[in-house]
Protein backbone atom coordinates (compact mmCIF):
# COMPACT_ATOMS: atom_id res chain seq x y z
CA MET A 1 28.97 47.56 15.80
CA LYS A 2 29.84 50.15 12.55
CA PHE A 3 33.50 51.22 11.62
CA PRO A 4 34.76 52.88 8.91
CA LYS A 5 38.18 51.38 6.66
CA GLU A 6 39.43 54.68 7.13
CA THR A 7 39.68 57.92 10.18
CA ARG A 8 41.32 60.57 10.86
CA ARG A 9 42.72 60.26 14.57
CA TYR A 10 45.30 61.69 16.52
CA CYS A 11 49.27 60.08 15.98
CA PRO A 12 50.89 59.70 19.12
CA TYR A 13 54.47 59.27 16.90
CA CYS A 14 54.26 61.26 14.10
CA LYS A 15 52.34 64.20 16.95
CA LYS A 16 50.09 65.35 14.36
CA HIS A 17 46.53 63.98 12.95
CA THR A 18 46.57 62.00 10.17
CA LYS A 19 44.48 58.87 8.06
CA HIS A 20 44.14 55.24 10.04
CA THR A 21 43.27 52.32 8.97
CA ILE A 22 41.32 50.20 11.34
CA SER A 23 42.01 46.46 11.72
CA ILE A 24 40.42 44.17 14.73
CA LEU A 25 43.29 42.59 17.12
CA SER A 26 42.86 38.45 15.69
CA ALA A 27 42.62 36.38 18.74
CA GLY A 28 45.74 33.85 17.83
CA ARG A 29 46.15 30.81 18.73
CA GLN A 30 45.34 28.88 22.63
CA ARG A 31 48.56 28.46 23.85
CA GLY A 32 47.83 24.73 26.21
CA SER A 33 44.49 23.71 27.97
CA LEU A 34 44.09 26.70 30.23
CA ARG A 35 40.64 26.80 31.41
CA ARG A 36 39.08 27.20 34.86
CA GLY A 37 39.36 24.30 36.47
CA SER A 38 41.98 21.94 34.28
CA LEU A 39 44.56 20.96 36.07
CA ALA A 40 47.12 22.68 34.39
CA ARG A 41 46.09 25.75 34.95
CA ALA A 42 46.38 25.17 38.81
CA ARG A 43 50.08 24.26 38.29
CA LYS A 44 50.57 26.79 36.23
CA ARG A 45 49.28 29.26 39.75
CA GLY A 46 51.96 26.89 41.79
CA LEU A 47 48.49 24.60 43.20
CA GLY A 48 49.26 21.40 43.98
CA ARG A 49 53.05 21.39 45.16
CA GLY A 50 54.91 20.10 48.19
CA LYS A 51 53.62 17.71 51.16
CA GLY A 52 50.36 18.43 53.48
CA ASN A 53 47.37 19.17 52.32
CA LEU A 54 47.45 20.94 48.90
CA GLY A 55 46.16 16.68 47.32
CA ARG A 56 42.72 19.09 47.10
CA TRP A 57 43.23 21.63 45.28
CA GLY A 58 42.22 19.84 41.67
CA SER A 59 39.03 18.58 43.08
CA LYS A 60 35.48 20.59 42.43
CA ARG A 61 32.01 20.54 43.73
CA ALA A 62 29.79 18.34 42.06
CA VAL A 63 28.34 20.43 38.80
CA SER A 64 24.65 20.65 40.05
CA LYS A 65 26.41 23.00 42.90
CA TRP A 66 28.57 24.82 41.09
CA LYS A 67 27.59 27.38 37.88
CA ARG A 68 30.37 28.87 35.22
CA ARG A 69 28.30 31.11 33.56
CA ILE A 70 30.26 32.82 29.94
CA LYS A 71 29.63 36.23 28.83
CA SER A 72 27.59 36.27 26.24
CA THR A 73 30.04 38.60 24.15
CA GLN A 74 33.45 39.29 23.51
CA ARG A 75 36.12 42.37 23.58
CA LYS A 76 36.91 43.20 20.22
CA VAL A 77 40.10 45.28 19.87
CA LEU A 78 40.68 47.07 17.21
CA LEU A 79 43.48 48.28 15.73
CA TYR A 80 44.88 51.72 14.18
CA LYS A 81 47.15 51.69 11.75
CA CYS A 82 49.47 55.34 10.68
CA GLN A 83 49.06 55.12 7.18
CA GLU A 84 52.67 58.14 7.15
CA CYS A 85 54.57 56.14 9.33
CA GLY A 86 52.64 52.27 9.54
CA LYS A 87 53.03 51.99 13.57
CA ILE A 88 50.09 50.31 15.15
CA LYS A 89 48.12 51.87 17.53
CA GLY A 90 45.62 49.62 19.66
CA LYS A 91 43.25 51.02 21.68
CA SER A 92 43.88 51.31 25.56
CA GLN A 93 41.01 49.48 25.73
CA GLY A 94 37.72 47.21 24.03
CA ILE A 95 34.67 47.76 23.01
CA ARG A 96 32.74 44.36 23.95
CA THR A 97 30.77 43.49 21.58
CA SER A 98 29.25 40.31 19.26
CA LYS A 99 29.59 41.53 16.25
CA ILE A 100 31.92 44.07 14.97
CA THR A 101 31.86 45.05 10.76
CA ILE A 102 34.75 47.07 9.05
CA GLY A 103 33.96 48.91 6.01
């Protein structure tokens, strides 16, 4: 999808329509390996602690019995920065697309 570098939209801080610059929210670095099925993720969810029959929390079935379906696109979040007050407002819900070009 293509977006312009600047657009006019309502700023809730200025309470009027102003020019905004558009940017994409960066993903940042991944903290820890909390992949699905990892032991660290299960421990963060509170599994595998205590006594009794909780020892089965880390095991999975054979790979042929289950598949992880990976989404082909990611959700991109657009940030709008007001040129008058400098405040940044993001869209409430990201856009699921494979590629975003600005400008």
